[in-house]
N, C-alpha and C. Protein backbone atom coordinates (compact mmCIF):
# COMPACT_ATOMS: atom_id res chain seq x y z
N UNK A 1 7.20 -17.31 -21.22
CA UNK A 1 8.21 -16.33 -20.81
C UNK A 1 9.45 -16.97 -20.58
N UNK A 2 10.60 -16.53 -21.13
CA UNK A 2 11.83 -17.28 -21.06
C UNK A 2 12.44 -17.08 -19.69
N UNK A 3 13.45 -18.18 -19.42
CA UNK A 3 13.94 -18.15 -18.18
C UNK A 3 14.75 -16.72 -17.78
N UNK A 4 15.39 -16.24 -18.56
CA UNK A 4 16.16 -14.95 -18.31
C UNK A 4 15.04 -13.86 -18.24
N UNK A 5 13.94 -14.07 -18.83
CA UNK A 5 12.85 -12.84 -18.69
C UNK A 5 12.26 -12.98 -17.32
N UNK A 6 12.05 -14.39 -17.00
CA UNK A 6 11.46 -14.48 -15.56
C UNK A 6 12.44 -14.18 -14.41
N UNK A 7 13.60 -14.37 -14.63
CA UNK A 7 14.64 -13.86 -13.63
C UNK A 7 14.77 -12.40 -13.62
N UNK A 8 14.70 -11.80 -14.79
CA UNK A 8 14.52 -10.34 -14.65
C UNK A 8 13.41 -9.81 -14.01
N UNK A 9 12.26 -10.31 -14.11
CA UNK A 9 11.03 -9.91 -13.60
C UNK A 9 11.29 -10.02 -12.12
N UNK A 10 11.66 -11.21 -11.61
CA UNK A 10 11.84 -11.39 -10.25
C UNK A 10 12.96 -10.57 -9.53
N UNK A 11 14.03 -10.23 -10.32
CA UNK A 11 14.95 -9.36 -9.87
C UNK A 11 14.38 -7.87 -9.80
N UNK A 12 13.68 -7.44 -10.78
CA UNK A 12 12.99 -6.08 -10.71
C UNK A 12 12.08 -6.13 -9.57
N UNK A 13 11.31 -7.12 -9.37
CA UNK A 13 10.25 -7.12 -8.23
C UNK A 13 10.92 -6.94 -6.93
N UNK A 14 12.00 -7.79 -6.67
CA UNK A 14 12.88 -7.91 -5.49
C UNK A 14 13.35 -6.42 -5.16
N UNK A 15 13.90 -5.81 -6.20
CA UNK A 15 14.26 -4.40 -6.05
C UNK A 15 13.15 -3.46 -5.64
N UNK A 16 12.07 -3.49 -6.27
CA UNK A 16 10.98 -2.60 -5.93
C UNK A 16 10.47 -2.90 -4.48
N UNK A 17 10.40 -4.18 -4.16
CA UNK A 17 9.86 -4.45 -2.78
C UNK A 17 10.89 -3.89 -1.78
N UNK A 18 12.17 -4.05 -1.91
CA UNK A 18 13.07 -3.58 -1.02
C UNK A 18 13.08 -1.93 -1.05
N UNK A 19 12.88 -1.25 -2.12
CA UNK A 19 12.69 0.18 -2.11
C UNK A 19 11.42 0.56 -1.41
N UNK A 20 10.39 -0.26 -1.49
CA UNK A 20 9.14 0.24 -0.89
C UNK A 20 9.32 0.05 0.67
N UNK A 21 10.05 -1.10 1.09
CA UNK A 21 10.14 -1.43 2.42
C UNK A 21 11.19 -0.23 3.15
N UNK A 22 12.13 0.03 2.33
CA UNK A 22 13.06 1.21 2.97
C UNK A 22 12.29 2.48 3.02
N UNK A 23 11.63 2.75 2.03
CA UNK A 23 10.83 4.15 1.86
C UNK A 23 9.74 4.08 3.04
N UNK A 24 9.15 2.96 3.50
CA UNK A 24 8.14 3.02 4.55
C UNK A 24 8.73 3.37 5.83
N UNK A 25 10.05 3.28 6.08
CA UNK A 25 10.53 3.86 7.23
C UNK A 25 10.98 5.28 7.20
N UNK A 26 10.89 5.99 6.14
CA UNK A 26 11.12 7.37 6.02
C UNK A 26 9.66 8.04 6.17
N UNK A 27 9.60 8.54 7.29
CA UNK A 27 8.29 9.10 7.66
C UNK A 27 8.32 10.64 7.37
N UNK A 28 7.53 11.29 6.45
CA UNK A 28 7.40 12.74 6.24
C UNK A 28 6.75 13.28 7.40
N UNK A 29 5.81 12.67 7.89
CA UNK A 29 4.78 13.12 8.86
C UNK A 29 4.15 12.02 9.72
N UNK A 30 4.37 12.04 11.01
CA UNK A 30 3.66 10.97 11.89
C UNK A 30 2.72 11.65 12.59
N UNK A 31 1.43 11.15 12.42
CA UNK A 31 0.26 11.65 13.19
C UNK A 31 0.30 11.34 14.60
N UNK A 32 -0.10 12.31 15.33
CA UNK A 32 -0.06 11.99 16.85
C UNK A 32 -0.81 10.75 17.49
N UNK A 33 -2.00 10.46 16.69
CA UNK A 33 -2.97 9.41 17.05
C UNK A 33 -2.54 8.06 16.25
N UNK A 34 -1.57 8.09 15.52
CA UNK A 34 -1.13 6.88 14.75
C UNK A 34 -1.38 7.02 13.28
N UNK A 35 -0.53 6.38 12.64
CA UNK A 35 -0.51 6.51 11.14
C UNK A 35 0.41 7.49 10.56
N UNK A 36 1.16 7.40 9.60
CA UNK A 36 2.22 8.28 9.05
C UNK A 36 2.18 8.37 7.53
N UNK A 37 2.59 9.49 7.00
CA UNK A 37 2.86 9.87 5.75
C UNK A 37 4.25 9.54 5.23
N UNK A 38 4.40 8.62 4.45
CA UNK A 38 5.88 8.13 4.13
C UNK A 38 6.29 8.87 2.86
N UNK A 39 7.61 8.54 2.54
CA UNK A 39 8.16 9.18 1.29
C UNK A 39 7.79 8.09 0.29
N UNK A 40 6.67 8.22 -0.22
CA UNK A 40 6.40 7.53 -1.48
C UNK A 40 6.45 6.05 -1.36
N UNK A 41 6.33 5.55 -0.25
CA UNK A 41 6.45 3.95 -0.02
C UNK A 41 5.76 3.00 -0.99
N UNK A 42 4.79 3.39 -1.40
CA UNK A 42 3.86 2.67 -2.18
C UNK A 42 4.18 2.72 -3.85
N UNK A 43 4.92 3.81 -4.20
CA UNK A 43 5.19 4.01 -5.58
C UNK A 43 6.09 2.91 -6.18
N UNK A 44 7.18 2.44 -5.53
CA UNK A 44 7.83 1.24 -6.22
C UNK A 44 6.97 0.10 -6.62
N UNK A 45 6.01 -0.35 -5.84
CA UNK A 45 5.11 -1.34 -6.17
C UNK A 45 4.27 -1.09 -7.39
N UNK A 46 3.71 0.21 -7.23
CA UNK A 46 2.80 0.80 -8.29
C UNK A 46 3.54 0.73 -9.57
N UNK A 47 4.61 1.30 -9.59
CA UNK A 47 5.38 1.46 -10.92
C UNK A 47 5.76 -0.06 -11.42
N UNK A 48 6.10 -0.91 -10.54
CA UNK A 48 6.39 -2.43 -10.96
C UNK A 48 5.04 -2.97 -11.63
N UNK A 49 3.97 -2.72 -10.92
CA UNK A 49 2.81 -3.30 -11.54
C UNK A 49 2.36 -2.67 -12.79
N UNK A 50 2.74 -1.38 -12.93
CA UNK A 50 2.44 -0.59 -14.13
C UNK A 50 3.32 -1.26 -15.40
N UNK A 51 4.62 -1.56 -15.01
CA UNK A 51 5.54 -2.16 -16.09
C UNK A 51 5.27 -3.60 -16.31
N UNK A 52 5.16 -4.35 -15.22
CA UNK A 52 4.99 -5.90 -15.50
C UNK A 52 3.60 -6.46 -15.39
N UNK A 53 2.63 -5.62 -15.07
CA UNK A 53 1.26 -6.12 -15.05
C UNK A 53 0.69 -6.49 -13.73
N UNK A 54 -0.59 -6.70 -13.52
CA UNK A 54 -1.27 -6.88 -12.37
C UNK A 54 -0.77 -8.20 -11.63
N UNK A 55 -0.65 -9.13 -12.42
CA UNK A 55 -0.20 -10.55 -11.84
C UNK A 55 1.00 -10.26 -11.05
N UNK A 56 2.09 -9.84 -11.84
CA UNK A 56 3.37 -9.51 -11.18
C UNK A 56 3.21 -8.64 -10.20
N UNK A 57 2.55 -7.52 -10.28
CA UNK A 57 2.41 -6.57 -9.38
C UNK A 57 1.78 -7.06 -7.90
N UNK A 58 0.67 -7.91 -8.21
CA UNK A 58 0.12 -8.48 -7.03
C UNK A 58 0.99 -9.43 -6.22
N UNK A 59 2.07 -10.12 -7.02
CA UNK A 59 2.80 -11.01 -6.16
C UNK A 59 3.91 -10.04 -5.58
N UNK A 60 4.55 -9.09 -6.07
CA UNK A 60 5.44 -8.22 -5.48
C UNK A 60 4.74 -7.51 -4.36
N UNK A 61 3.55 -7.17 -4.42
CA UNK A 61 2.78 -6.47 -3.41
C UNK A 61 2.54 -7.47 -2.30
N UNK A 62 2.26 -8.66 -2.56
CA UNK A 62 2.06 -9.76 -1.36
C UNK A 62 3.37 -9.80 -0.70
N UNK A 63 4.46 -9.92 -1.34
CA UNK A 63 5.77 -10.21 -0.71
C UNK A 63 5.89 -8.83 0.19
N UNK A 64 5.59 -7.65 -0.18
CA UNK A 64 5.84 -6.46 0.49
C UNK A 64 4.89 -6.61 1.56
N UNK A 65 3.67 -6.89 1.50
CA UNK A 65 2.69 -7.09 2.58
C UNK A 65 3.27 -7.93 3.91
N UNK A 66 3.95 -8.97 3.41
CA UNK A 66 4.61 -9.94 4.53
C UNK A 66 5.73 -9.11 5.16
N UNK A 67 6.44 -8.19 4.56
CA UNK A 67 7.48 -7.45 5.11
C UNK A 67 6.90 -6.39 6.00
N UNK A 68 5.71 -5.86 5.69
CA UNK A 68 5.04 -4.95 6.38
C UNK A 68 4.41 -5.54 7.52
N UNK A 69 3.79 -6.87 7.56
CA UNK A 69 3.35 -7.65 8.61
C UNK A 69 4.58 -7.77 9.79
N UNK A 70 5.82 -8.15 9.08
CA UNK A 70 7.02 -8.35 10.05
C UNK A 70 7.26 -7.12 10.85
N UNK A 71 7.19 -5.93 10.06
CA UNK A 71 7.45 -4.69 10.60
C UNK A 71 6.39 -4.44 11.89
N UNK A 72 5.22 -4.81 11.52
CA UNK A 72 4.09 -4.48 12.33
C UNK A 72 4.24 -5.37 13.70
N UNK A 73 4.73 -6.57 13.38
CA UNK A 73 4.92 -7.42 14.63
C UNK A 73 6.03 -6.95 15.49
N UNK A 74 7.22 -6.53 14.90
CA UNK A 74 8.44 -6.29 15.55
C UNK A 74 8.48 -4.74 16.12
N UNK A 75 8.13 -3.93 15.16
CA UNK A 75 8.34 -2.52 15.52
C UNK A 75 6.93 -1.97 16.25
N UNK A 76 5.74 -2.37 15.74
CA UNK A 76 4.56 -1.79 16.26
C UNK A 76 3.99 -2.74 17.34
N UNK A 77 4.50 -3.90 17.57
CA UNK A 77 3.87 -4.73 18.65
C UNK A 77 2.51 -5.31 18.36
N UNK A 78 2.32 -5.70 17.10
CA UNK A 78 0.98 -6.12 16.82
C UNK A 78 0.46 -7.15 17.67
N UNK A 79 1.39 -8.19 18.23
CA UNK A 79 0.81 -9.23 19.17
C UNK A 79 0.47 -8.73 20.56
N UNK A 80 0.96 -7.57 20.79
CA UNK A 80 0.74 -6.98 22.18
C UNK A 80 -0.51 -6.01 22.24
N UNK A 81 -1.28 -5.94 21.25
CA UNK A 81 -2.41 -5.06 21.18
C UNK A 81 -3.57 -5.58 21.90
N UNK A 82 -3.55 -6.75 22.28
CA UNK A 82 -4.76 -7.41 23.14
C UNK A 82 -5.97 -7.82 22.34
N UNK A 83 -5.78 -8.13 21.10
CA UNK A 83 -6.77 -8.60 20.18
C UNK A 83 -6.94 -10.13 20.37
N UNK A 84 -8.29 -10.54 20.24
CA UNK A 84 -8.47 -12.02 20.20
C UNK A 84 -7.94 -12.56 19.14
N UNK A 85 -7.69 -13.89 19.23
CA UNK A 85 -7.08 -14.60 18.11
C UNK A 85 -7.92 -14.27 16.69
N UNK A 86 -9.23 -14.33 16.75
CA UNK A 86 -9.97 -13.99 15.55
C UNK A 86 -9.77 -12.59 14.97
N UNK A 87 -9.86 -11.69 15.98
CA UNK A 87 -9.54 -10.25 15.44
C UNK A 87 -8.29 -9.93 15.02
N UNK A 88 -7.12 -10.74 15.79
CA UNK A 88 -5.69 -10.65 15.26
C UNK A 88 -5.60 -11.29 13.69
N UNK A 89 -6.22 -12.40 13.56
CA UNK A 89 -6.26 -12.90 12.33
C UNK A 89 -7.01 -11.93 11.15
N UNK A 90 -8.05 -11.26 11.64
CA UNK A 90 -8.69 -10.37 10.62
C UNK A 90 -7.86 -9.11 10.57
N UNK A 91 -7.10 -8.60 11.65
CA UNK A 91 -6.29 -7.54 11.46
C UNK A 91 -5.19 -7.84 10.48
N UNK A 92 -4.54 -9.02 10.75
CA UNK A 92 -3.30 -9.38 9.75
C UNK A 92 -3.85 -9.27 8.33
N UNK A 93 -5.02 -9.88 8.06
CA UNK A 93 -5.49 -9.82 6.73
C UNK A 93 -5.83 -8.42 6.19
N UNK A 94 -6.63 -7.75 7.01
CA UNK A 94 -7.14 -6.54 6.61
C UNK A 94 -6.23 -5.16 6.48
N UNK A 95 -5.31 -5.21 7.46
CA UNK A 95 -4.38 -4.15 7.64
C UNK A 95 -3.04 -4.32 7.05
N UNK A 96 -2.65 -5.66 6.86
CA UNK A 96 -1.49 -6.02 6.17
C UNK A 96 -1.51 -6.75 4.82
N UNK A 97 -1.97 -7.92 4.93
CA UNK A 97 -2.01 -8.83 3.69
C UNK A 97 -2.97 -8.17 2.53
N UNK A 98 -4.12 -8.01 2.80
CA UNK A 98 -5.02 -7.32 2.06
C UNK A 98 -4.65 -6.02 1.54
N UNK A 99 -4.37 -5.06 2.49
CA UNK A 99 -4.17 -3.60 2.27
C UNK A 99 -2.98 -3.51 1.25
N UNK A 100 -1.94 -4.20 1.72
CA UNK A 100 -0.70 -3.91 0.97
C UNK A 100 -0.57 -4.58 -0.29
N UNK A 101 -1.20 -5.80 -0.43
CA UNK A 101 -1.37 -6.41 -1.63
C UNK A 101 -2.19 -5.69 -2.60
N UNK A 102 -3.16 -5.03 -2.14
CA UNK A 102 -3.84 -4.23 -3.14
C UNK A 102 -3.09 -3.22 -3.99
N UNK A 103 -1.95 -2.82 -3.54
CA UNK A 103 -1.20 -1.93 -4.34
C UNK A 103 -0.72 -2.47 -5.71
N UNK A 104 -0.66 -3.84 -5.68
CA UNK A 104 -0.27 -4.41 -6.82
C UNK A 104 -1.39 -4.37 -8.06
N UNK A 105 -2.50 -3.73 -7.77
CA UNK A 105 -3.56 -3.49 -8.62
C UNK A 105 -3.17 -2.27 -9.49
N UNK A 106 -2.26 -1.51 -9.15
CA UNK A 106 -1.89 -0.22 -9.91
C UNK A 106 -1.88 -0.23 -11.37
N UNK A 107 -1.36 -1.44 -11.81
CA UNK A 107 -1.17 -1.50 -13.36
C UNK A 107 -2.41 -2.03 -14.09
N UNK A 108 -3.62 -2.06 -13.32
CA UNK A 108 -4.81 -2.44 -13.97
C UNK A 108 -5.19 -1.86 -15.20
N UNK A 109 -5.00 -0.58 -15.34
CA UNK A 109 -5.28 0.29 -16.42
C UNK A 109 -4.02 0.82 -17.28
N UNK A 110 -3.03 0.07 -17.14
CA UNK A 110 -1.66 0.59 -17.68
C UNK A 110 -1.72 0.73 -19.32
N UNK A 111 -2.59 0.03 -19.87
CA UNK A 111 -2.56 0.15 -21.33
C UNK A 111 -3.38 1.43 -21.73
N UNK A 112 -3.89 2.15 -21.03
CA UNK A 112 -4.63 3.41 -21.13
C UNK A 112 -3.95 4.62 -21.01
N UNK A 113 -2.67 4.55 -21.27
CA UNK A 113 -1.77 5.72 -21.10
C UNK A 113 -1.60 6.25 -19.73
N UNK A 114 -1.05 7.50 -19.73
CA UNK A 114 -0.79 7.99 -18.43
C UNK A 114 -1.97 8.15 -17.49
N UNK A 115 -3.00 8.50 -18.02
CA UNK A 115 -4.18 8.81 -17.08
C UNK A 115 -4.58 7.38 -16.61
N UNK A 116 -4.51 6.29 -17.33
CA UNK A 116 -4.97 5.02 -16.87
C UNK A 116 -4.01 4.58 -15.88
N UNK A 117 -2.70 4.88 -16.09
CA UNK A 117 -1.60 4.46 -14.98
C UNK A 117 -1.89 5.19 -13.68
N UNK A 118 -2.08 6.45 -13.96
CA UNK A 118 -2.32 7.23 -12.56
C UNK A 118 -3.60 6.93 -11.96
N UNK A 119 -4.71 6.71 -12.76
CA UNK A 119 -6.00 6.09 -12.29
C UNK A 119 -5.94 4.86 -11.67
N UNK A 120 -5.11 3.81 -12.17
CA UNK A 120 -4.95 2.54 -11.41
C UNK A 120 -4.23 2.64 -10.27
N UNK A 121 -3.23 3.63 -10.14
CA UNK A 121 -2.41 3.74 -9.06
C UNK A 121 -3.32 4.35 -7.79
N UNK A 122 -4.09 5.41 -8.18
CA UNK A 122 -5.05 6.03 -7.37
C UNK A 122 -6.16 4.91 -6.81
N UNK A 123 -6.55 4.01 -7.71
CA UNK A 123 -7.55 3.15 -7.25
C UNK A 123 -7.12 2.04 -6.39
N UNK A 124 -5.79 1.59 -6.70
CA UNK A 124 -5.03 0.72 -5.82
C UNK A 124 -4.90 1.22 -4.33
N UNK A 125 -4.55 2.34 -4.22
CA UNK A 125 -4.49 2.96 -2.91
C UNK A 125 -5.83 3.21 -2.23
N UNK A 126 -6.83 3.53 -3.02
CA UNK A 126 -8.22 3.73 -2.53
C UNK A 126 -8.60 2.32 -1.87
N UNK A 127 -8.25 1.22 -2.55
CA UNK A 127 -8.71 -0.07 -1.99
C UNK A 127 -7.94 -0.32 -0.90
N UNK A 128 -6.78 -0.12 -0.77
CA UNK A 128 -5.95 -0.15 0.55
C UNK A 128 -6.50 0.69 1.63
N UNK A 129 -6.90 1.77 1.22
CA UNK A 129 -7.77 2.69 2.29
C UNK A 129 -8.87 2.11 2.75
N UNK A 130 -9.68 1.39 1.77
CA UNK A 130 -11.01 0.84 2.26
C UNK A 130 -10.60 -0.36 3.03
N UNK A 131 -9.65 -1.27 2.98
CA UNK A 131 -9.18 -2.33 3.92
C UNK A 131 -9.12 -1.57 5.33
N UNK A 132 -8.34 -0.50 5.35
CA UNK A 132 -8.06 -0.02 6.61
C UNK A 132 -9.26 0.42 7.27
N UNK A 133 -10.24 1.16 6.51
CA UNK A 133 -11.46 1.56 7.07
C UNK A 133 -12.26 0.44 7.71
N UNK A 134 -12.30 -0.59 6.98
CA UNK A 134 -13.22 -1.79 7.48
C UNK A 134 -12.46 -2.36 8.68
N UNK A 135 -11.12 -2.32 8.58
CA UNK A 135 -10.38 -2.92 10.09
C UNK A 135 -10.71 -2.07 11.19
N UNK A 136 -10.63 -0.73 10.96
CA UNK A 136 -10.87 0.16 11.97
C UNK A 136 -12.25 0.08 12.53
N UNK A 137 -13.26 -0.04 11.74
CA UNK A 137 -14.68 0.10 11.83
C UNK A 137 -15.07 -1.23 12.78
N UNK A 138 -14.65 -2.31 12.19
CA UNK A 138 -15.17 -3.71 12.68
C UNK A 138 -14.03 -4.16 13.77
N UNK A 139 -12.91 -4.25 13.44
CA UNK A 139 -11.87 -4.83 14.53
C UNK A 139 -11.65 -3.92 15.62
N UNK A 140 -10.97 -2.82 15.31
CA UNK A 140 -10.57 -1.88 16.37
C UNK A 140 -11.78 -1.25 17.30
N UNK A 141 -12.86 -1.01 16.65
CA UNK A 141 -14.09 -0.64 17.35
C UNK A 141 -14.57 -1.77 18.24
N UNK A 142 -14.62 -2.92 17.72
CA UNK A 142 -15.01 -4.02 18.53
C UNK A 142 -14.15 -4.36 19.65
N UNK A 143 -13.00 -4.06 19.60
CA UNK A 143 -11.98 -4.25 20.56
C UNK A 143 -11.89 -3.11 21.51
N UNK A 144 -12.65 -2.06 21.26
CA UNK A 144 -12.57 -0.92 22.27
C UNK A 144 -11.25 -0.17 22.10
N UNK A 145 -10.63 -0.21 20.87
CA UNK A 145 -9.38 0.61 20.76
C UNK A 145 -9.69 1.80 19.95
N UNK A 146 -10.62 2.41 20.08
CA UNK A 146 -11.03 3.56 19.42
C UNK A 146 -10.45 4.82 20.09
N UNK A 147 -9.61 5.54 19.73
CA UNK A 147 -9.15 6.59 20.40
C UNK A 147 -9.94 7.84 20.33
N UNK A 148 -9.79 8.88 21.23
CA UNK A 148 -10.54 10.04 21.31
C UNK A 148 -10.23 11.14 20.27
N UNK A 149 -9.55 10.72 19.44
CA UNK A 149 -9.06 11.73 18.32
C UNK A 149 -10.29 12.49 17.64
N UNK A 150 -11.09 11.67 17.08
CA UNK A 150 -12.34 12.31 16.52
C UNK A 150 -13.55 12.10 17.27
N UNK A 151 -14.35 12.90 17.65
CA UNK A 151 -15.53 12.69 18.52
C UNK A 151 -16.83 12.54 17.54
N UNK A 152 -16.91 11.12 17.48
CA UNK A 152 -18.08 10.55 16.84
C UNK A 152 -18.57 9.20 17.30
N UNK A 153 -19.82 9.02 17.32
CA UNK A 153 -20.26 7.55 17.98
C UNK A 153 -20.34 6.79 16.75
N UNK A 154 -20.11 7.15 15.36
CA UNK A 154 -20.20 6.35 14.33
C UNK A 154 -18.86 5.78 13.75
N UNK A 155 -18.73 4.48 14.10
CA UNK A 155 -17.37 3.88 13.89
C UNK A 155 -16.88 3.89 12.50
N UNK A 156 -17.94 3.84 11.48
CA UNK A 156 -17.51 3.88 10.06
C UNK A 156 -16.94 5.30 9.78
N UNK A 157 -17.68 6.39 10.25
CA UNK A 157 -17.10 7.67 10.07
C UNK A 157 -15.71 7.93 10.72
N UNK A 158 -15.70 7.50 11.98
CA UNK A 158 -14.52 7.58 12.67
C UNK A 158 -13.29 6.83 11.97
N UNK A 159 -13.53 5.65 11.46
CA UNK A 159 -12.47 4.96 10.76
C UNK A 159 -12.24 5.57 9.41
N UNK A 160 -13.14 6.23 8.82
CA UNK A 160 -12.84 6.85 7.47
C UNK A 160 -12.03 8.07 7.66
N UNK A 161 -12.27 8.87 8.90
CA UNK A 161 -11.49 10.07 9.01
C UNK A 161 -10.14 9.73 9.57
N UNK A 162 -10.16 8.71 10.65
CA UNK A 162 -8.82 8.32 11.18
C UNK A 162 -7.91 7.88 10.18
N UNK A 163 -8.30 6.95 9.37
CA UNK A 163 -7.34 6.54 8.14
C UNK A 163 -7.26 7.48 7.11
N UNK A 164 -8.13 8.23 6.82
CA UNK A 164 -8.11 9.30 5.73
C UNK A 164 -7.01 10.26 6.08
N UNK A 165 -6.76 10.52 7.29
CA UNK A 165 -5.96 11.59 7.91
C UNK A 165 -4.40 11.21 7.36
N UNK A 166 -4.20 10.10 7.11
CA UNK A 166 -2.81 9.52 6.52
C UNK A 166 -2.85 9.07 5.10
N UNK A 167 -3.85 8.35 4.96
CA UNK A 167 -4.11 7.64 3.55
C UNK A 167 -4.29 8.57 2.36
N UNK A 168 -5.16 9.58 2.67
CA UNK A 168 -5.60 10.43 1.59
C UNK A 168 -4.22 11.46 1.01
N UNK A 169 -3.55 11.90 2.14
CA UNK A 169 -2.30 12.50 1.72
C UNK A 169 -1.28 11.58 1.05
N UNK A 170 -1.33 10.49 1.57
CA UNK A 170 -0.33 9.44 0.90
C UNK A 170 -0.78 9.22 -0.57
N UNK A 171 -2.05 9.01 -0.85
CA UNK A 171 -2.54 8.83 -2.03
C UNK A 171 -2.06 9.96 -2.94
N UNK A 172 -2.36 11.23 -2.62
CA UNK A 172 -2.16 12.39 -3.38
C UNK A 172 -0.74 12.49 -3.72
N UNK A 173 0.17 12.26 -2.59
CA UNK A 173 1.64 12.29 -2.96
C UNK A 173 2.22 11.24 -3.90
N UNK A 174 1.53 9.99 -3.70
CA UNK A 174 2.04 8.93 -4.62
C UNK A 174 1.53 9.09 -6.05
N UNK A 175 0.34 9.66 -6.22
CA UNK A 175 -0.17 9.90 -7.60
C UNK A 175 0.70 10.97 -8.29
N UNK A 176 1.03 12.06 -7.53
CA UNK A 176 1.94 13.14 -8.02
C UNK A 176 3.24 12.59 -8.27
N UNK A 177 3.76 11.71 -7.48
CA UNK A 177 5.03 11.11 -7.61
C UNK A 177 5.07 10.37 -8.93
N UNK A 178 3.96 9.57 -9.15
CA UNK A 178 4.00 8.59 -10.31
C UNK A 178 3.72 9.68 -11.48
N UNK A 179 2.97 10.56 -11.46
CA UNK A 179 2.80 11.53 -12.69
C UNK A 179 4.18 12.12 -12.85
N UNK A 180 4.89 12.47 -12.07
CA UNK A 180 6.30 13.10 -12.41
C UNK A 180 7.08 12.04 -13.03
N UNK A 181 7.16 10.84 -12.33
CA UNK A 181 8.14 9.72 -12.78
C UNK A 181 7.77 9.29 -14.30
N UNK A 182 6.43 9.20 -14.35
CA UNK A 182 6.00 8.59 -15.68
C UNK A 182 6.10 9.60 -16.90
N UNK A 183 6.44 10.92 -16.60
CA UNK A 183 6.70 11.73 -17.62
C UNK A 183 8.10 11.94 -18.02
N UNK A 184 8.82 11.21 -17.27
CA UNK A 184 10.39 11.19 -17.56
C UNK A 184 10.61 10.15 -18.86
N UNK A 185 11.16 10.55 -19.85
CA UNK A 185 11.07 9.73 -21.20
C UNK A 185 11.89 8.57 -20.86
N UNK A 186 13.12 8.55 -20.05
CA UNK A 186 13.92 7.11 -19.76
C UNK A 186 12.95 6.28 -18.99
N UNK A 187 12.15 6.81 -18.12
CA UNK A 187 11.31 5.88 -17.26
C UNK A 187 10.25 5.20 -18.27
N UNK A 188 9.70 5.89 -19.06
CA UNK A 188 8.72 5.39 -19.95
C UNK A 188 9.38 4.44 -20.85
N UNK A 189 10.66 4.73 -21.34
CA UNK A 189 11.37 3.60 -22.06
C UNK A 189 11.51 2.32 -21.29
N UNK A 190 11.90 2.45 -20.15
CA UNK A 190 12.09 1.39 -19.26
C UNK A 190 10.85 0.64 -18.94
N UNK A 191 9.67 1.19 -18.90
CA UNK A 191 8.25 0.66 -18.69
C UNK A 191 8.00 -0.03 -19.80
N UNK A 192 8.11 0.55 -21.13
CA UNK A 192 7.81 -0.03 -22.30
C UNK A 192 8.64 -1.26 -22.75
N UNK A 193 9.86 -1.38 -22.13
CA UNK A 193 10.87 -2.35 -22.59
C UNK A 193 10.43 -3.79 -22.20
N UNK A 194 10.63 -4.61 -23.14
CA UNK A 194 10.18 -5.95 -23.04
C UNK A 194 11.46 -6.85 -22.57
N UNK A 195 10.95 -7.96 -21.92
CA UNK A 195 12.12 -8.84 -21.39
C UNK A 195 12.39 -8.79 -20.12
């Protein structure tokens, strides 16, 4: 890859990461027990991965995960949650680094046309959802931080329902947003563009 091409990929990635971060602050709906549905905050990283491939997508998504971690520390008070150091490290990996980096996998089926691109986007978000389920069932259940939102003694069911309340609508909206965006001829030309 030529230097100008690498610079262009980095610039595009930086723009998409910035867009994703800004969109993460625009909450369409905030659930009373935690979690929110954002204004397509995962879509810029997914589109970047579809255009530039999984390797570049994972790198951009990893950078995005670090920004989300910073937001979690500053805005959400991550270090004040009372987690042990081991649980805090696991939470950082599962809820931030692993979960948000997974969005970079959206381009995995990018060569399979529109359905492959939408399927890859849905799969990437599903993987993020699984990271959050594991975190809720293992870390937050072990820490006694399970809220009375859903009445169940099964921590896996609880975590699936709790995280699904915001992740499933977020996935649906993101896939619909990708479908609309990827049908625009100008966007398809940009995605197909080399360099």
